Amino acid sequence: MVVGNTAGSKWMSDDLLNRAASKDKHMHIVEGSNHMKLYDVPKYVDEAVSVLGPFFKKHLMSAGSTHGVAAA
């Protein structure tokens, strides 16, 4: 989970992270950002993608291989 560092975002994200069923999870806080900046401010988007990309690649690739989906 990637979040900005605004107060409302942080406490809601903590709750969501705690309720997520997966044991393979972590939170990455993008310092100086907020929810909207994670959409269209390149330095914040780049940081978020640098964390999310490898996570999704690892988990989607492994999930695809167990369900008969060809990996890219």
N, C-alpha and C. Protein backbone atom coordinates (compact mmCIF):
# COMPACT_ATOMS: atom_id res chain seq x y z
N MET A 1 0.84 -1.15 0.00
CA MET A 1 0.00 0.00 0.00
C MET A 1 0.90 1.23 0.00
N VAL A 2 0.62 2.15 -0.88
CA VAL A 2 1.36 3.40 -0.96
C VAL A 2 0.42 4.53 -0.60
N VAL A 3 0.83 5.37 0.33
CA VAL A 3 -0.01 6.48 0.77
C VAL A 3 0.80 7.76 0.86
N GLY A 4 0.09 8.87 0.77
CA GLY A 4 0.71 10.16 1.05
C GLY A 4 0.86 10.31 2.55
N ASN A 5 1.45 11.41 2.98
CA ASN A 5 1.70 11.54 4.41
C ASN A 5 0.77 12.52 5.12
N THR A 6 -0.46 12.64 4.63
CA THR A 6 -1.44 13.49 5.32
C THR A 6 -2.10 12.69 6.44
N ALA A 7 -2.53 13.36 7.47
CA ALA A 7 -3.04 12.68 8.67
C ALA A 7 -4.23 11.78 8.38
N GLY A 8 -5.23 12.26 7.67
CA GLY A 8 -6.41 11.44 7.38
C GLY A 8 -6.07 10.21 6.57
N SER A 9 -5.20 10.37 5.62
CA SER A 9 -4.78 9.26 4.79
C SER A 9 -4.07 8.20 5.62
N LYS A 10 -3.22 8.61 6.53
CA LYS A 10 -2.41 7.68 7.33
C LYS A 10 -3.28 6.83 8.24
N TRP A 11 -4.20 7.42 8.99
CA TRP A 11 -4.97 6.60 9.91
C TRP A 11 -5.92 5.67 9.17
N MET A 12 -6.48 6.12 8.05
CA MET A 12 -7.35 5.24 7.27
C MET A 12 -6.54 4.11 6.65
N SER A 13 -5.34 4.43 6.20
CA SER A 13 -4.48 3.41 5.61
C SER A 13 -4.03 2.39 6.63
N ASP A 14 -3.72 2.84 7.84
CA ASP A 14 -3.36 1.90 8.91
C ASP A 14 -4.48 0.90 9.14
N ASP A 15 -5.71 1.38 9.19
CA ASP A 15 -6.86 0.51 9.41
C ASP A 15 -7.01 -0.49 8.26
N LEU A 16 -6.92 0.00 7.03
CA LEU A 16 -7.05 -0.88 5.87
C LEU A 16 -5.95 -1.93 5.84
N LEU A 17 -4.73 -1.51 6.12
CA LEU A 17 -3.61 -2.45 6.13
C LEU A 17 -3.82 -3.53 7.20
N ASN A 18 -4.28 -3.14 8.37
CA ASN A 18 -4.53 -4.11 9.43
C ASN A 18 -5.62 -5.11 9.07
N ARG A 19 -6.60 -4.68 8.28
CA ARG A 19 -7.71 -5.57 7.91
C ARG A 19 -7.42 -6.44 6.70
N ALA A 20 -6.37 -6.13 5.94
CA ALA A 20 -6.04 -6.90 4.74
C ALA A 20 -5.68 -8.34 5.14
N ALA A 21 -6.20 -9.29 4.40
CA ALA A 21 -6.01 -10.70 4.75
C ALA A 21 -4.59 -11.19 4.52
N SER A 22 -3.92 -10.66 3.54
CA SER A 22 -2.59 -11.13 3.19
C SER A 22 -1.58 -10.87 4.30
N LYS A 23 -0.64 -11.78 4.43
CA LYS A 23 0.47 -11.59 5.37
C LYS A 23 1.63 -10.88 4.68
N ASP A 24 1.64 -10.89 3.35
CA ASP A 24 2.71 -10.26 2.57
C ASP A 24 2.26 -8.85 2.20
N LYS A 25 2.44 -7.93 3.12
CA LYS A 25 1.96 -6.57 2.92
C LYS A 25 2.87 -5.60 3.65
N HIS A 26 2.92 -4.39 3.16
CA HIS A 26 3.62 -3.32 3.86
C HIS A 26 3.09 -1.98 3.36
N MET A 27 3.35 -0.95 4.13
CA MET A 27 2.92 0.39 3.75
C MET A 27 4.15 1.21 3.40
N HIS A 28 4.06 1.94 2.32
CA HIS A 28 5.13 2.86 1.92
C HIS A 28 4.54 4.26 1.92
N ILE A 29 5.12 5.15 2.71
CA ILE A 29 4.64 6.53 2.77
C ILE A 29 5.49 7.38 1.85
N VAL A 30 4.83 8.07 0.93
CA VAL A 30 5.51 8.99 0.02
C VAL A 30 5.53 10.35 0.70
N GLU A 31 6.66 10.70 1.26
CA GLU A 31 6.78 11.95 2.02
C GLU A 31 6.51 13.16 1.14
N GLY A 32 5.73 14.10 1.66
CA GLY A 32 5.42 15.33 0.95
C GLY A 32 4.24 15.24 0.01
N SER A 33 3.70 14.04 -0.15
CA SER A 33 2.58 13.87 -1.08
C SER A 33 1.26 13.83 -0.32
N ASN A 34 0.19 13.80 -1.08
CA ASN A 34 -1.14 13.54 -0.55
C ASN A 34 -1.87 12.72 -1.61
N HIS A 35 -3.11 12.41 -1.36
CA HIS A 35 -3.86 11.55 -2.28
C HIS A 35 -3.82 12.08 -3.72
N MET A 36 -4.12 13.34 -3.91
CA MET A 36 -4.18 13.90 -5.26
C MET A 36 -2.80 13.99 -5.92
N LYS A 37 -1.77 14.30 -5.16
CA LYS A 37 -0.43 14.39 -5.73
C LYS A 37 0.07 13.05 -6.24
N LEU A 38 -0.46 11.96 -5.69
CA LEU A 38 -0.06 10.64 -6.17
C LEU A 38 -0.61 10.33 -7.56
N TYR A 39 -1.52 11.15 -8.05
CA TYR A 39 -2.04 10.98 -9.41
C TYR A 39 -1.21 11.69 -10.46
N ASP A 40 -0.74 12.90 -10.15
CA ASP A 40 -0.20 13.69 -11.25
C ASP A 40 1.05 14.53 -10.96
N VAL A 41 1.72 14.30 -9.85
CA VAL A 41 2.99 14.97 -9.61
C VAL A 41 4.09 13.93 -9.87
N PRO A 42 4.84 14.12 -10.96
CA PRO A 42 5.78 13.08 -11.40
C PRO A 42 6.69 12.50 -10.32
N LYS A 43 7.27 13.32 -9.45
CA LYS A 43 8.20 12.75 -8.47
C LYS A 43 7.48 11.83 -7.48
N TYR A 44 6.23 12.11 -7.16
CA TYR A 44 5.48 11.25 -6.25
C TYR A 44 4.97 10.00 -6.97
N VAL A 45 4.49 10.19 -8.19
CA VAL A 45 4.04 9.04 -8.99
C VAL A 45 5.20 8.08 -9.22
N ASP A 46 6.36 8.61 -9.57
CA ASP A 46 7.53 7.76 -9.82
C ASP A 46 7.92 6.95 -8.59
N GLU A 47 7.88 7.60 -7.42
CA GLU A 47 8.21 6.87 -6.19
C GLU A 47 7.19 5.77 -5.91
N ALA A 48 5.91 6.08 -6.10
CA ALA A 48 4.86 5.08 -5.87
C ALA A 48 5.01 3.90 -6.83
N VAL A 49 5.26 4.19 -8.09
CA VAL A 49 5.41 3.12 -9.09
C VAL A 49 6.65 2.28 -8.81
N SER A 50 7.71 2.90 -8.29
CA SER A 50 8.93 2.15 -7.99
C SER A 50 8.71 1.11 -6.90
N VAL A 51 7.70 1.33 -6.06
CA VAL A 51 7.35 0.37 -5.01
C VAL A 51 6.27 -0.60 -5.49
N LEU A 52 5.26 -0.07 -6.14
CA LEU A 52 4.13 -0.91 -6.57
C LEU A 52 4.48 -1.84 -7.72
N GLY A 53 5.29 -1.36 -8.66
CA GLY A 53 5.64 -2.18 -9.83
C GLY A 53 6.23 -3.53 -9.45
N PRO A 54 7.31 -3.56 -8.68
CA PRO A 54 7.89 -4.86 -8.30
C PRO A 54 6.93 -5.73 -7.48
N PHE A 55 6.13 -5.10 -6.61
CA PHE A 55 5.16 -5.88 -5.81
C PHE A 55 4.15 -6.57 -6.72
N PHE A 56 3.56 -5.80 -7.64
CA PHE A 56 2.57 -6.38 -8.56
C PHE A 56 3.21 -7.40 -9.48
N LYS A 57 4.40 -7.12 -9.96
CA LYS A 57 5.07 -8.07 -10.84
C LYS A 57 5.28 -9.41 -10.13
N LYS A 58 5.74 -9.34 -8.90
CA LYS A 58 5.96 -10.57 -8.13
C LYS A 58 4.67 -11.33 -7.90
N HIS A 59 3.64 -10.63 -7.45
CA HIS A 59 2.41 -11.31 -7.05
C HIS A 59 1.49 -11.64 -8.21
N LEU A 60 1.43 -10.80 -9.22
CA LEU A 60 0.58 -11.11 -10.37
C LEU A 60 1.21 -12.18 -11.24
N MET A 61 2.52 -12.15 -11.36
CA MET A 61 3.20 -13.17 -12.15
C MET A 61 3.04 -14.53 -11.48
N SER A 62 3.21 -14.61 -10.16
CA SER A 62 3.09 -15.89 -9.47
C SER A 62 1.64 -16.36 -9.46
N ALA A 63 0.69 -15.43 -9.31
CA ALA A 63 -0.72 -15.81 -9.33
C ALA A 63 -1.13 -16.30 -10.71
N GLY A 64 -0.63 -15.64 -11.75
CA GLY A 64 -0.95 -16.04 -13.12
C GLY A 64 -0.44 -17.44 -13.43
N SER A 65 0.73 -17.78 -12.94
CA SER A 65 1.30 -19.08 -13.25
C SER A 65 0.55 -20.20 -12.56
N THR A 66 -0.13 -19.91 -11.46
CA THR A 66 -0.88 -20.96 -10.77
C THR A 66 -2.29 -21.10 -11.32
N HIS A 67 -2.73 -20.16 -12.16
CA HIS A 67 -4.09 -20.21 -12.70
C HIS A 67 -4.10 -20.39 -14.20
N GLY A 68 -3.00 -20.82 -14.76
CA GLY A 68 -2.96 -21.09 -16.18
C GLY A 68 -2.86 -19.84 -17.04
N VAL A 69 -2.51 -18.72 -16.48
CA VAL A 69 -2.37 -17.47 -17.24
C VAL A 69 -0.91 -17.31 -17.59
N ALA A 70 -0.65 -17.07 -18.85
CA ALA A 70 0.74 -16.92 -19.29
C ALA A 70 1.33 -15.63 -18.71
N ALA A 71 2.55 -15.72 -18.21
CA ALA A 71 3.24 -14.55 -17.68
C ALA A 71 3.84 -13.75 -18.82
N ALA A 72 3.83 -12.43 -18.68
CA ALA A 72 4.40 -11.56 -19.72
C ALA A 72 5.89 -11.51 -19.63
